[in-house]
Amino acid sequence: MTHDELITVARTHTVDFPKLSGEPWANQETLTKITALDAVAVSFENDQHPKKIMILLERESGKFIASWLMPKNPK
């Protein structure tokens, strides 16, 4: 996908941000500076634990973008 196509998909995931976050300014009309980064998600998990750690890094520089803990995918 191109960066423009990825931005279009990403926009669909921002619709509920004002409601979910309680931040009315967190919307597409206010946040008009949009950047698509090439990134990689690195997953850390173990079969004995129900969750995994995900780390999102900028692909070229390795700069930290985000991290989160999430359930593992069902097998």
C-alpha atoms as a PDB file:
ATOM      1  CA  MET A   1       0.000   0.000   0.000  1.00  0.00           C
ATOM      2  CA  THR A   2       1.127   3.555  -0.592  1.00  0.00           C
ATOM      3  CA  HIS A   3       1.443   6.037   2.249  1.00  0.00           C
ATOM      4  CA  ASP A   4      -1.729   7.780   1.020  1.00  0.00           C
ATOM      5  CA  GLU A   5      -3.644   4.485   1.082  1.00  0.00           C
ATOM      6  CA  LEU A   6      -2.337   3.756   4.575  1.00  0.00           C
ATOM      7  CA  ILE A   7      -3.403   7.218   5.753  1.00  0.00           C
ATOM      8  CA  THR A   8      -6.908   6.555   4.398  1.00  0.00           C
ATOM      9  CA  VAL A   9      -7.102   3.306   6.386  1.00  0.00           C
ATOM     10  CA  ALA A  10      -5.654   4.981   9.493  1.00  0.00           C
ATOM     11  CA  ARG A  11      -8.329   7.698   9.315  1.00  0.00           C
ATOM     12  CA  THR A  12     -11.022   5.041   9.833  1.00  0.00           C
ATOM     13  CA  HIS A  13      -9.385   4.101  13.138  1.00  0.00           C
ATOM     14  CA  THR A  14      -9.442   7.684  14.491  1.00  0.00           C
ATOM     15  CA  VAL A  15     -13.191   8.251  14.412  1.00  0.00           C
ATOM     16  CA  ASP A  16     -13.850   7.210  18.030  1.00  0.00           C
ATOM     17  CA  PHE A  17     -10.769   8.864  19.568  1.00  0.00           C
ATOM     18  CA  PRO A  18     -12.579  11.947  20.980  1.00  0.00           C
ATOM     19  CA  LYS A  19     -15.215   9.772  22.657  1.00  0.00           C
ATOM     20  CA  LEU A  20     -12.867   7.034  23.909  1.00  0.00           C
ATOM     21  CA  SER A  21     -10.155   9.388  25.144  1.00  0.00           C
ATOM     22  CA  GLY A  22     -12.371  12.144  26.527  1.00  0.00           C
ATOM     23  CA  GLU A  23     -10.317  14.600  24.478  1.00  0.00           C
ATOM     24  CA  PRO A  24     -12.670  16.506  22.141  1.00  0.00           C
ATOM     25  CA  TRP A  25      -9.750  17.971  20.174  1.00  0.00           C
ATOM     26  CA  ALA A  26      -8.489  14.485  19.172  1.00  0.00           C
ATOM     27  CA  ASN A  27     -10.195  14.486  15.782  1.00  0.00           C
ATOM     28  CA  GLN A  28      -9.309  14.637  12.101  1.00  0.00           C
ATOM     29  CA  GLU A  29     -10.439  18.243  11.739  1.00  0.00           C
ATOM     30  CA  THR A  30      -7.998  19.455  14.416  1.00  0.00           C
ATOM     31  CA  LEU A  31      -5.078  17.117  13.731  1.00  0.00           C
ATOM     32  CA  THR A  32      -4.257  18.099  10.157  1.00  0.00           C
ATOM     33  CA  LYS A  33      -0.507  17.326  10.079  1.00  0.00           C
ATOM     34  CA  ILE A  34      -0.429  13.690   8.940  1.00  0.00           C
ATOM     35  CA  THR A  35       2.743  11.634   8.515  1.00  0.00           C
ATOM     36  CA  ALA A  36       3.081   8.015   7.416  1.00  0.00           C
ATOM     37  CA  LEU A  37       6.211   6.375   8.801  1.00  0.00           C
ATOM     38  CA  ASP A  38       7.747   3.101   7.704  1.00  0.00           C
ATOM     39  CA  ALA A  39       7.755   1.076  10.891  1.00  0.00           C
ATOM     40  CA  VAL A  40       8.157  -2.427  12.214  1.00  0.00           C
ATOM     41  CA  ALA A  41       6.329  -4.099  15.087  1.00  0.00           C
ATOM     42  CA  VAL A  42       8.501  -6.406  17.213  1.00  0.00           C
ATOM     43  CA  SER A  43       6.634  -9.028  19.260  1.00  0.00           C
ATOM     44  CA  PHE A  44       7.856 -10.654  22.505  1.00  0.00           C
ATOM     45  CA  GLU A  45       5.862 -13.629  23.790  1.00  0.00           C
ATOM     46  CA  ASN A  46       6.032 -16.970  25.587  1.00  0.00           C
ATOM     47  CA  ASP A  47       3.732 -19.984  25.246  1.00  0.00           C
ATOM     48  CA  GLN A  48       3.222 -20.042  29.039  1.00  0.00           C
ATOM     49  CA  HIS A  49       1.754 -16.515  29.206  1.00  0.00           C
ATOM     50  CA  PRO A  50      -1.511 -15.207  27.714  1.00  0.00           C
ATOM     51  CA  LYS A  51      -0.196 -11.830  26.569  1.00  0.00           C
ATOM     52  CA  LYS A  52       2.645 -10.418  24.508  1.00  0.00           C
ATOM     53  CA  ILE A  53       4.605  -7.169  24.410  1.00  0.00           C
ATOM     54  CA  MET A  54       4.596  -5.242  21.129  1.00  0.00           C
ATOM     55  CA  ILE A  55       7.192  -2.570  20.369  1.00  0.00           C
ATOM     56  CA  LEU A  56       6.769  -0.272  17.347  1.00  0.00           C
ATOM     57  CA  LEU A  57       9.998   1.136  15.901  1.00  0.00           C
ATOM     58  CA  GLU A  58      10.738   3.427  12.975  1.00  0.00           C
ATOM     59  CA  ARG A  59      12.163   1.032  10.413  1.00  0.00           C
ATOM     60  CA  GLU A  60      15.176   2.989   9.205  1.00  0.00           C
ATOM     61  CA  SER A  61      16.422   4.557  12.439  1.00  0.00           C
ATOM     62  CA  GLY A  62      15.070   2.143  15.074  1.00  0.00           C
ATOM     63  CA  LYS A  63      13.578   5.143  16.898  1.00  0.00           C
ATOM     64  CA  PHE A  64      10.914   4.139  19.444  1.00  0.00           C
ATOM     65  CA  ILE A  65       7.353   4.988  18.420  1.00  0.00           C
ATOM     66  CA  ALA A  66       5.093   3.069  20.828  1.00  0.00           C
ATOM     67  CA  SER A  67       4.673  -0.043  22.945  1.00  0.00           C
ATOM     68  CA  TRP A  68       1.715  -1.997  24.246  1.00  0.00           C
ATOM     69  CA  LEU A  69       0.718  -5.210  25.978  1.00  0.00           C
ATOM     70  CA  MET A  70      -1.892  -7.290  24.195  1.00  0.00           C
ATOM     71  CA  PRO A  71      -3.466 -10.755  24.190  1.00  0.00           C
ATOM     72  CA  LYS A  72      -1.736 -13.324  22.008  1.00  0.00           C
ATOM     73  CA  ASN A  73      -3.537 -14.432  18.890  1.00  0.00           C
ATOM     74  CA  PRO A  74      -5.563 -17.602  19.468  1.00  0.00           C
ATOM     75  CA  LYS A  75      -4.003 -20.691  17.923  1.00  0.00           C
END
